[in-house]
Amino acid sequence: MGITAKRFGFVPGQVTLKKGETVTLRLRSEDVMHGFFMQKLKIDAEVSPGKTTHVTITPEVAGTYTTICDHFCGADHGNMKMTIVVQ
C-alpha cells in the first residue's frame, strides 16, 4: 500500500486495514524529510525524498488511529496527520 508525504499531508489521508492481517506500507516523500509515527501501531519511520521506506505491520486491535509527521517540516507541520482505521 503506497503512501506519499508532502508538505503538509499524507496521500491518501485515510487507509483501512484488517485486524490481524499483515500489510507493508510503502512510504515516499515528494519534498523534504518527514516522519510517520503512531505509537500504538508500533510505527516510527523516517520518510526521505527519493527513497521508499517499507513498514510492515500486523494491527492487532481494531480502532481509529491518527498517524503524525514527527519531523518538523515547515509552518503547517502540526496539521500533518493521517488516519489508519483497523477493522
PDB file of N, CA and C in Angstrom:
ATOM      1  N   MET A   1       0.843  -1.165   0.000  1.00  0.00           N
ATOM      2  CA  MET A   1       0.000   0.000   0.000  1.00  0.00           C
ATOM      3  C   MET A   1       0.893   1.235   0.000  1.00  0.00           C
ATOM      4  N   GLY A   2       0.714   2.111  -0.962  1.00  0.00           N
ATOM      5  CA  GLY A   2       1.552   3.291  -1.088  1.00  0.00           C
ATOM      6  C   GLY A   2       0.988   4.509  -0.378  1.00  0.00           C
ATOM      7  N   ILE A   3       1.860   5.225   0.308  1.00  0.00           N
ATOM      8  CA  ILE A   3       1.506   6.458   0.997  1.00  0.00           C
ATOM      9  C   ILE A   3       2.556   7.506   0.645  1.00  0.00           C
ATOM     10  N   THR A   4       2.110   8.676   0.233  1.00  0.00           N
ATOM     11  CA  THR A   4       3.024   9.752  -0.139  1.00  0.00           C
ATOM     12  C   THR A   4       2.916  10.894   0.866  1.00  0.00           C
ATOM     13  N   ALA A   5       4.064  11.364   1.341  1.00  0.00           N
ATOM     14  CA  ALA A   5       4.139  12.512   2.239  1.00  0.00           C
ATOM     15  C   ALA A   5       4.548  13.735   1.434  1.00  0.00           C
ATOM     16  N   LYS A   6       3.863  14.844   1.698  1.00  0.00           N
ATOM     17  CA  LYS A   6       4.185  16.113   1.052  1.00  0.00           C
ATOM     18  C   LYS A   6       3.694  17.208   1.978  1.00  0.00           C
ATOM     19  N   ARG A   7       4.461  18.282   2.110  1.00  0.00           N
ATOM     20  CA  ARG A   7       4.026  19.370   2.981  1.00  0.00           C
ATOM     21  C   ARG A   7       2.591  19.723   2.651  1.00  0.00           C
ATOM     22  N   PHE A   8       1.634  19.643   3.434  1.00  0.00           N
ATOM     23  CA  PHE A   8       1.591  19.249   4.828  1.00  0.00           C
ATOM     24  C   PHE A   8       0.503  18.208   4.976  1.00  0.00           C
ATOM     25  N   GLY A   9       0.706  17.062   4.345  1.00  0.00           N
ATOM     26  CA  GLY A   9      -0.281  15.997   4.430  1.00  0.00           C
ATOM     27  C   GLY A   9       0.248  14.686   3.892  1.00  0.00           C
ATOM     28  N   PHE A  10      -0.577  13.672   4.065  1.00  0.00           N
ATOM     29  CA  PHE A  10      -0.291  12.345   3.532  1.00  0.00           C
ATOM     30  C   PHE A  10      -1.391  11.997   2.528  1.00  0.00           C
ATOM     31  N   VAL A  11      -1.008  11.342   1.457  1.00  0.00           N
ATOM     32  CA  VAL A  11      -1.976  10.885   0.458  1.00  0.00           C
ATOM     33  C   VAL A  11      -1.817   9.385   0.310  1.00  0.00           C
ATOM     34  N   PRO A  12      -2.872   8.623   0.549  1.00  0.00           N
ATOM     35  CA  PRO A  12      -4.211   9.067   0.904  1.00  0.00           C
ATOM     36  C   PRO A  12      -4.257   9.565   2.347  1.00  0.00           C
ATOM     37  N   GLY A  13      -5.317  10.259   2.696  1.00  0.00           N
ATOM     38  CA  GLY A  13      -5.477  10.795   4.044  1.00  0.00           C
ATOM     39  C   GLY A  13      -6.002   9.777   5.038  1.00  0.00           C
ATOM     40  N   GLN A  14      -6.504   8.659   4.510  1.00  0.00           N
ATOM     41  CA  GLN A  14      -7.007   7.591   5.377  1.00  0.00           C
ATOM     42  C   GLN A  14      -6.835   6.256   4.677  1.00  0.00           C
ATOM     43  N   VAL A  15      -6.453   5.245   5.439  1.00  0.00           N
ATOM     44  CA  VAL A  15      -6.396   3.871   4.941  1.00  0.00           C
ATOM     45  C   VAL A  15      -7.138   2.976   5.925  1.00  0.00           C
ATOM     46  N   THR A  16      -7.673   1.889   5.402  1.00  0.00           N
ATOM     47  CA  THR A  16      -8.368   0.915   6.236  1.00  0.00           C
ATOM     48  C   THR A  16      -7.617  -0.401   6.156  1.00  0.00           C
ATOM     49  N   LEU A  17      -7.290  -0.953   7.319  1.00  0.00           N
ATOM     50  CA  LEU A  17      -6.574  -2.221   7.417  1.00  0.00           C
ATOM     51  C   LEU A  17      -7.443  -3.218   8.162  1.00  0.00           C
ATOM     52  N   LYS A  18      -7.133  -4.501   7.967  1.00  0.00           N
ATOM     53  CA  LYS A  18      -7.872  -5.549   8.663  1.00  0.00           C
ATOM     54  C   LYS A  18      -7.076  -6.034   9.870  1.00  0.00           C
ATOM     55  N   LYS A  19      -7.771  -6.146  10.983  1.00  0.00           N
ATOM     56  CA  LYS A  19      -7.163  -6.652  12.220  1.00  0.00           C
ATOM     57  C   LYS A  19      -6.565  -8.031  11.957  1.00  0.00           C
ATOM     58  N   GLY A  20      -5.302  -8.214  12.386  1.00  0.00           N
ATOM     59  CA  GLY A  20      -4.615  -9.490  12.255  1.00  0.00           C
ATOM     60  C   GLY A  20      -4.008  -9.757  10.895  1.00  0.00           C
ATOM     61  N   GLU A  21      -4.204  -8.868   9.930  1.00  0.00           N
ATOM     62  CA  GLU A  21      -3.669  -9.055   8.579  1.00  0.00           C
ATOM     63  C   GLU A  21      -2.409  -8.219   8.398  1.00  0.00           C
ATOM     64  N   THR A  22      -1.315  -8.867   8.009  1.00  0.00           N
ATOM     65  CA  THR A  22      -0.041  -8.180   7.807  1.00  0.00           C
ATOM     66  C   THR A  22      -0.086  -7.372   6.512  1.00  0.00           C
ATOM     67  N   VAL A  23       0.383  -6.140   6.600  1.00  0.00           N
ATOM     68  CA  VAL A  23       0.438  -5.261   5.433  1.00  0.00           C
ATOM     69  C   VAL A  23       1.770  -4.522   5.434  1.00  0.00           C
ATOM     70  N   THR A  24       2.294  -4.264   4.246  1.00  0.00           N
ATOM     71  CA  THR A  24       3.505  -3.463   4.109  1.00  0.00           C
ATOM     72  C   THR A  24       3.124  -2.120   3.520  1.00  0.00           C
ATOM     73  N   LEU A  25       3.448  -1.061   4.256  1.00  0.00           N
ATOM     74  CA  LEU A  25       3.229   0.298   3.788  1.00  0.00           C
ATOM     75  C   LEU A  25       4.480   0.767   3.064  1.00  0.00           C
ATOM     76  N   ARG A  26       4.318   1.334   1.872  1.00  0.00           N
ATOM     77  CA  ARG A  26       5.429   1.890   1.101  1.00  0.00           C
ATOM     78  C   ARG A  26       5.325   3.410   1.192  1.00  0.00           C
ATOM     79  N   LEU A  27       6.259   4.012   1.908  1.00  0.00           N
ATOM     80  CA  LEU A  27       6.220   5.445   2.199  1.00  0.00           C
ATOM     81  C   LEU A  27       7.228   6.194   1.337  1.00  0.00           C
ATOM     82  N   ARG A  28       6.767   7.300   0.725  1.00  0.00           N
ATOM     83  CA  ARG A  28       7.645   8.152  -0.080  1.00  0.00           C
ATOM     84  C   ARG A  28       7.383   9.615   0.266  1.00  0.00           C
ATOM     85  N   SER A  29       8.414  10.437   0.090  1.00  0.00           N
ATOM     86  CA  SER A  29       8.276  11.879   0.284  1.00  0.00           C
ATOM     87  C   SER A  29       8.470  12.577  -1.053  1.00  0.00           C
ATOM     88  N   GLU A  30       7.631  13.563  -1.311  1.00  0.00           N
ATOM     89  CA  GLU A  30       7.761  14.351  -2.540  1.00  0.00           C
ATOM     90  C   GLU A  30       8.637  15.581  -2.369  1.00  0.00           C
ATOM     91  N   ASP A  31       9.021  15.899  -1.107  1.00  0.00           N
ATOM     92  CA  ASP A  31       9.748  17.148  -0.944  1.00  0.00           C
ATOM     93  C   ASP A  31      10.876  17.094   0.087  1.00  0.00           C
ATOM     94  N   VAL A  32      10.567  16.996   1.364  1.00  0.00           N
ATOM     95  CA  VAL A  32      11.580  17.040   2.423  1.00  0.00           C
ATOM     96  C   VAL A  32      11.454  15.800   3.306  1.00  0.00           C
ATOM     97  N   MET A  33      12.339  15.683   4.288  1.00  0.00           N
ATOM     98  CA  MET A  33      12.272  14.583   5.249  1.00  0.00           C
ATOM     99  C   MET A  33      11.008  14.726   6.087  1.00  0.00           C
ATOM    100  N   HIS A  34      10.283  13.622   6.218  1.00  0.00           N
ATOM    101  CA  HIS A  34       9.089  13.577   7.056  1.00  0.00           C
ATOM    102  C   HIS A  34       9.207  12.392   8.000  1.00  0.00           C
ATOM    103  N   GLY A  35       8.392  12.406   9.030  1.00  0.00           N
ATOM    104  CA  GLY A  35       8.264  11.261   9.913  1.00  0.00           C
ATOM    105  C   GLY A  35       6.898  10.633   9.711  1.00  0.00           C
ATOM    106  N   PHE A  36       6.772   9.375  10.102  1.00  0.00           N
ATOM    107  CA  PHE A  36       5.492   8.664  10.045  1.00  0.00           C
ATOM    108  C   PHE A  36       5.408   7.901  11.350  1.00  0.00           C
ATOM    109  N   PHE A  37       4.603   8.413  12.301  1.00  0.00           N
ATOM    110  CA  PHE A  37       4.636   7.909  13.665  1.00  0.00           C
ATOM    111  C   PHE A  37       3.237   7.605  14.198  1.00  0.00           C
ATOM    112  N   MET A  38       3.104   6.415  14.787  1.00  0.00           N
ATOM    113  CA  MET A  38       1.887   6.020  15.500  1.00  0.00           C
ATOM    114  C   MET A  38       2.301   4.986  16.517  1.00  0.00           C
ATOM    115  N   GLN A  39       2.425   5.416  17.775  1.00  0.00           N
ATOM    116  CA  GLN A  39       2.964   4.564  18.838  1.00  0.00           C
ATOM    117  C   GLN A  39       2.161   3.284  19.038  1.00  0.00           C
ATOM    118  N   LYS A  40       0.835   3.366  19.090  1.00  0.00           N
ATOM    119  CA  LYS A  40       0.016   2.186  19.375  1.00  0.00           C
ATOM    120  C   LYS A  40       0.124   1.107  18.303  1.00  0.00           C
ATOM    121  N   LEU A  41       0.463   1.506  17.063  1.00  0.00           N
ATOM    122  CA  LEU A  41       0.661   0.526  15.993  1.00  0.00           C
ATOM    123  C   LEU A  41       2.140   0.193  15.797  1.00  0.00           C
ATOM    124  N   LYS A  42       2.985   0.728  16.664  1.00  0.00           N
ATOM    125  CA  LYS A  42       4.438   0.493  16.636  1.00  0.00           C
ATOM    126  C   LYS A  42       5.067   0.917  15.312  1.00  0.00           C
ATOM    127  N   ILE A  43       4.643   2.106  14.841  1.00  0.00           N
ATOM    128  CA  ILE A  43       5.191   2.678  13.611  1.00  0.00           C
ATOM    129  C   ILE A  43       6.033   3.891  13.989  1.00  0.00           C
ATOM    130  N   ASP A  44       7.279   3.890  13.546  1.00  0.00           N
ATOM    131  CA  ASP A  44       8.174   5.031  13.738  1.00  0.00           C
ATOM    132  C   ASP A  44       9.176   5.006  12.591  1.00  0.00           C
ATOM    133  N   ALA A  45       8.852   5.731  11.519  1.00  0.00           N
ATOM    134  CA  ALA A  45       9.668   5.655  10.311  1.00  0.00           C
ATOM    135  C   ALA A  45      10.064   7.044   9.837  1.00  0.00           C
ATOM    136  N   GLU A  46      11.229   7.116   9.205  1.00  0.00           N
ATOM    137  CA  GLU A  46      11.669   8.325   8.527  1.00  0.00           C
ATOM    138  C   GLU A  46      11.383   8.152   7.047  1.00  0.00           C
ATOM    139  N   VAL A  47      10.849   9.208   6.443  1.00  0.00           N
ATOM    140  CA  VAL A  47      10.497   9.170   5.022  1.00  0.00           C
ATOM    141  C   VAL A  47      11.352  10.210   4.311  1.00  0.00           C
ATOM    142  N   SER A  48      12.302   9.732   3.518  1.00  0.00           N
ATOM    143  CA  SER A  48      13.269  10.607   2.853  1.00  0.00           C
ATOM    144  C   SER A  48      12.902  10.812   1.390  1.00  0.00           C
ATOM    145  N   PRO A  49      13.137  12.020   0.878  1.00  0.00           N
ATOM    146  CA  PRO A  49      12.885  12.260  -0.540  1.00  0.00           C
ATOM    147  C   PRO A  49      13.743  11.333  -1.403  1.00  0.00           C
ATOM    148  N   GLY A  50      13.151  10.797  -2.462  1.00  0.00           N
ATOM    149  CA  GLY A  50      13.886   9.953  -3.391  1.00  0.00           C
ATOM    150  C   GLY A  50      14.063   8.513  -2.946  1.00  0.00           C
ATOM    151  N   LYS A  51      13.558   8.149  -1.786  1.00  0.00           N
ATOM    152  CA  LYS A  51      13.685   6.784  -1.276  1.00  0.00           C
ATOM    153  C   LYS A  51      12.302   6.256  -0.912  1.00  0.00           C
ATOM    154  N   THR A  52      12.172   4.937  -0.917  1.00  0.00           N
ATOM    155  CA  THR A  52      10.951   4.301  -0.435  1.00  0.00           C
ATOM    156  C   THR A  52      11.273   3.620   0.883  1.00  0.00           C
ATOM    157  N   THR A  53      10.480   3.924   1.893  1.00  0.00           N
ATOM    158  CA  THR A  53      10.617   3.305   3.204  1.00  0.00           C
ATOM    159  C   THR A  53       9.506   2.280   3.350  1.00  0.00           C
ATOM    160  N   HIS A  54       9.862   1.043   3.699  1.00  0.00           N
ATOM    161  CA  HIS A  54       8.878  -0.026   3.872  1.00  0.00           C
ATOM    162  C   HIS A  54       8.640  -0.255   5.363  1.00  0.00           C
ATOM    163  N   VAL A  55       7.372  -0.268   5.745  1.00  0.00           N
ATOM    164  CA  VAL A  55       6.976  -0.532   7.121  1.00  0.00           C
ATOM    165  C   VAL A  55       5.954  -1.669   7.088  1.00  0.00           C
ATOM    166  N   THR A  56       6.291  -2.785   7.728  1.00  0.00           N
ATOM    167  CA  THR A  56       5.379  -3.922   7.777  1.00  0.00           C
ATOM    168  C   THR A  56       4.761  -3.997   9.162  1.00  0.00           C
ATOM    169  N   ILE A  57       3.423  -4.031   9.191  1.00  0.00           N
ATOM    170  CA  ILE A  57       2.715  -4.097  10.468  1.00  0.00           C
ATOM    171  C   ILE A  57       1.603  -5.139  10.407  1.00  0.00           C
ATOM    172  N   THR A  58       1.254  -5.644  11.566  1.00  0.00           N
ATOM    173  CA  THR A  58       0.096  -6.517  11.729  1.00  0.00           C
ATOM    174  C   THR A  58      -0.736  -5.927  12.858  1.00  0.00           C
ATOM    175  N   PRO A  59      -1.738  -5.104  12.522  1.00  0.00           N
ATOM    176  CA  PRO A  59      -2.532  -4.477  13.579  1.00  0.00           C
ATOM    177  C   PRO A  59      -3.352  -5.519  14.339  1.00  0.00           C
ATOM    178  N   GLU A  60      -3.289  -5.470  15.660  1.00  0.00           N
ATOM    179  CA  GLU A  60      -3.945  -6.470  16.494  1.00  0.00           C
ATOM    180  C   GLU A  60      -5.196  -5.955  17.201  1.00  0.00           C
ATOM    181  N   VAL A  61      -5.406  -4.643  17.199  1.00  0.00           N
ATOM    182  CA  VAL A  61      -6.536  -4.060  17.915  1.00  0.00           C
ATOM    183  C   VAL A  61      -7.313  -3.156  16.956  1.00  0.00           C
ATOM    184  N   ALA A  62      -8.608  -3.420  16.825  1.00  0.00           N
ATOM    185  CA  ALA A  62      -9.459  -2.578  15.985  1.00  0.00           C
ATOM    186  C   ALA A  62      -9.551  -1.182  16.591  1.00  0.00           C
ATOM    187  N   GLY A  63      -9.675  -0.191  15.728  1.00  0.00           N
ATOM    188  CA  GLY A  63      -9.807   1.178  16.197  1.00  0.00           C
ATOM    189  C   GLY A  63      -9.414   2.167  15.118  1.00  0.00           C
ATOM    190  N   THR A  64      -9.474   3.435  15.473  1.00  0.00           N
ATOM    191  CA  THR A  64      -9.078   4.515  14.581  1.00  0.00           C
ATOM    192  C   THR A  64      -7.854   5.190  15.185  1.00  0.00           C
ATOM    193  N   TYR A  65      -6.803   5.291  14.391  1.00  0.00           N
ATOM    194  CA  TYR A  65      -5.509   5.784  14.870  1.00  0.00           C
ATOM    195  C   TYR A  65      -5.078   6.981  14.019  1.00  0.00           C
ATOM    196  N   THR A  66      -4.518   7.981  14.663  1.00  0.00           N
ATOM    197  CA  THR A  66      -4.009   9.144  13.957  1.00  0.00           C
ATOM    198  C   THR A  66      -2.497   9.046  13.874  1.00  0.00           C
ATOM    199  N   THR A  67      -2.008   8.990  12.659  1.00  0.00           N
ATOM    200  CA  THR A  67      -0.573   8.948  12.392  1.00  0.00           C
ATOM    201  C   THR A  67      -0.114  10.381  12.145  1.00  0.00           C
ATOM    202  N   ILE A  68       1.044  10.744  12.686  1.00  0.00           N
ATOM    203  CA  ILE A  68       1.544  12.114  12.540  1.00  0.00           C
ATOM    204  C   ILE A  68       2.923  12.130  11.888  1.00  0.00           C
ATOM    205  N   CYS A  69       3.270  13.286  11.356  1.00  0.00           N
ATOM    206  CA  CYS A  69       4.651  13.546  10.948  1.00  0.00           C
ATOM    207  C   CYS A  69       5.366  14.044  12.192  1.00  0.00           C
ATOM    208  N   ASP A  70       6.417  13.334  12.595  1.00  0.00           N
ATOM    209  CA  ASP A  70       7.134  13.754  13.808  1.00  0.00           C
ATOM    210  C   ASP A  70       8.505  14.356  13.501  1.00  0.00           C
ATOM    211  N   HIS A  71       8.698  14.817  12.263  1.00  0.00           N
ATOM    212  CA  HIS A  71       9.898  15.559  11.875  1.00  0.00           C
ATOM    213  C   HIS A  71       9.422  16.938  11.421  1.00  0.00           C
ATOM    214  N   PHE A  72       9.914  17.993  12.054  1.00  0.00           N
ATOM    215  CA  PHE A  72       9.474  19.332  11.683  1.00  0.00           C
ATOM    216  C   PHE A  72       9.746  19.567  10.200  1.00  0.00           C
ATOM    217  N   CYS A  73       8.685  19.917   9.463  1.00  0.00           N
ATOM    218  CA  CYS A  73       8.824  20.060   8.010  1.00  0.00           C
ATOM    219  C   CYS A  73       8.323  21.412   7.502  1.00  0.00           C
ATOM    220  N   GLY A  74       8.025  22.328   8.419  1.00  0.00           N
ATOM    221  CA  GLY A  74       7.599  23.655   7.988  1.00  0.00           C
ATOM    222  C   GLY A  74       6.462  24.196   8.840  1.00  0.00           C
ATOM    223  N   ALA A  75       5.948  25.344   8.420  1.00  0.00           N
ATOM    224  CA  ALA A  75       4.998  26.115   9.217  1.00  0.00           C
ATOM    225  C   ALA A  75       3.715  25.364   9.582  1.00  0.00           C
ATOM    226  N   ASP A  76       3.213  24.509   8.722  1.00  0.00           N
ATOM    227  CA  ASP A  76       1.949  23.816   8.990  1.00  0.00           C
ATOM    228  C   ASP A  76       2.173  22.360   9.416  1.00  0.00           C
ATOM    229  N   HIS A  77       3.368  22.074   9.879  1.00  0.00           N
ATOM    230  CA  HIS A  77       3.762  20.719  10.290  1.00  0.00           C
ATOM    231  C   HIS A  77       2.793  20.093  11.297  1.00  0.00           C
ATOM    232  N   GLY A  78       2.297  20.872  12.242  1.00  0.00           N
ATOM    233  CA  GLY A  78       1.422  20.356  13.286  1.00  0.00           C
ATOM    234  C   GLY A  78       0.102  19.787  12.786  1.00  0.00           C
ATOM    235  N   ASN A  79      -0.272  20.118  11.563  1.00  0.00           N
ATOM    236  CA  ASN A  79      -1.516  19.610  10.983  1.00  0.00           C
ATOM    237  C   ASN A  79      -1.294  18.431  10.042  1.00  0.00           C
ATOM    238  N   MET A  80      -0.073  17.933   9.955  1.00  0.00           N
ATOM    239  CA  MET A  80       0.239  16.834   9.037  1.00  0.00           C
ATOM    240  C   MET A  80      -0.093  15.509   9.711  1.00  0.00           C
ATOM    241  N   LYS A  81      -1.274  14.990   9.376  1.00  0.00           N
ATOM    242  CA  LYS A  81      -1.785  13.781  10.003  1.00  0.00           C
ATOM    243  C   LYS A  81      -2.441  12.882   8.971  1.00  0.00           C
ATOM    244  N   MET A  82      -2.599  11.636   9.344  1.00  0.00           N
ATOM    245  CA  MET A  82      -3.276  10.651   8.508  1.00  0.00           C
ATOM    246  C   MET A  82      -4.036   9.709   9.428  1.00  0.00           C
ATOM    247  N   THR A  83      -5.153   9.173   8.970  1.00  0.00           N
ATOM    248  CA  THR A  83      -5.956   8.259   9.773  1.00  0.00           C
ATOM    249  C   THR A  83      -5.772   6.833   9.283  1.00  0.00           C
ATOM    250  N   ILE A  84      -5.522   5.923  10.237  1.00  0.00           N
ATOM    251  CA  ILE A  84      -5.497   4.492   9.953  1.00  0.00           C
ATOM    252  C   ILE A  84      -6.657   3.863  10.708  1.00  0.00           C
ATOM    253  N   VAL A  85      -7.560   3.237   9.968  1.00  0.00           N
ATOM    254  CA  VAL A  85      -8.699   2.554  10.560  1.00  0.00           C
ATOM    255  C   VAL A  85      -8.414   1.054  10.506  1.00  0.00           C
ATOM    256  N   VAL A  86      -8.495   0.406  11.656  1.00  0.00           N
ATOM    257  CA  VAL A  86      -8.305  -1.044  11.732  1.00  0.00           C
ATOM    258  C   VAL A  86      -9.661  -1.661  12.066  1.00  0.00           C
ATOM    259  N   GLN A  87     -10.120  -2.528  11.174  1.00  0.00           N
ATOM    260  CA  GLN A  87     -11.434  -3.171  11.362  1.00  0.00           C
ATOM    261  C   GLN A  87     -11.279  -4.626  11.707  1.00  0.00           C
TER     262      GLN A  87
END
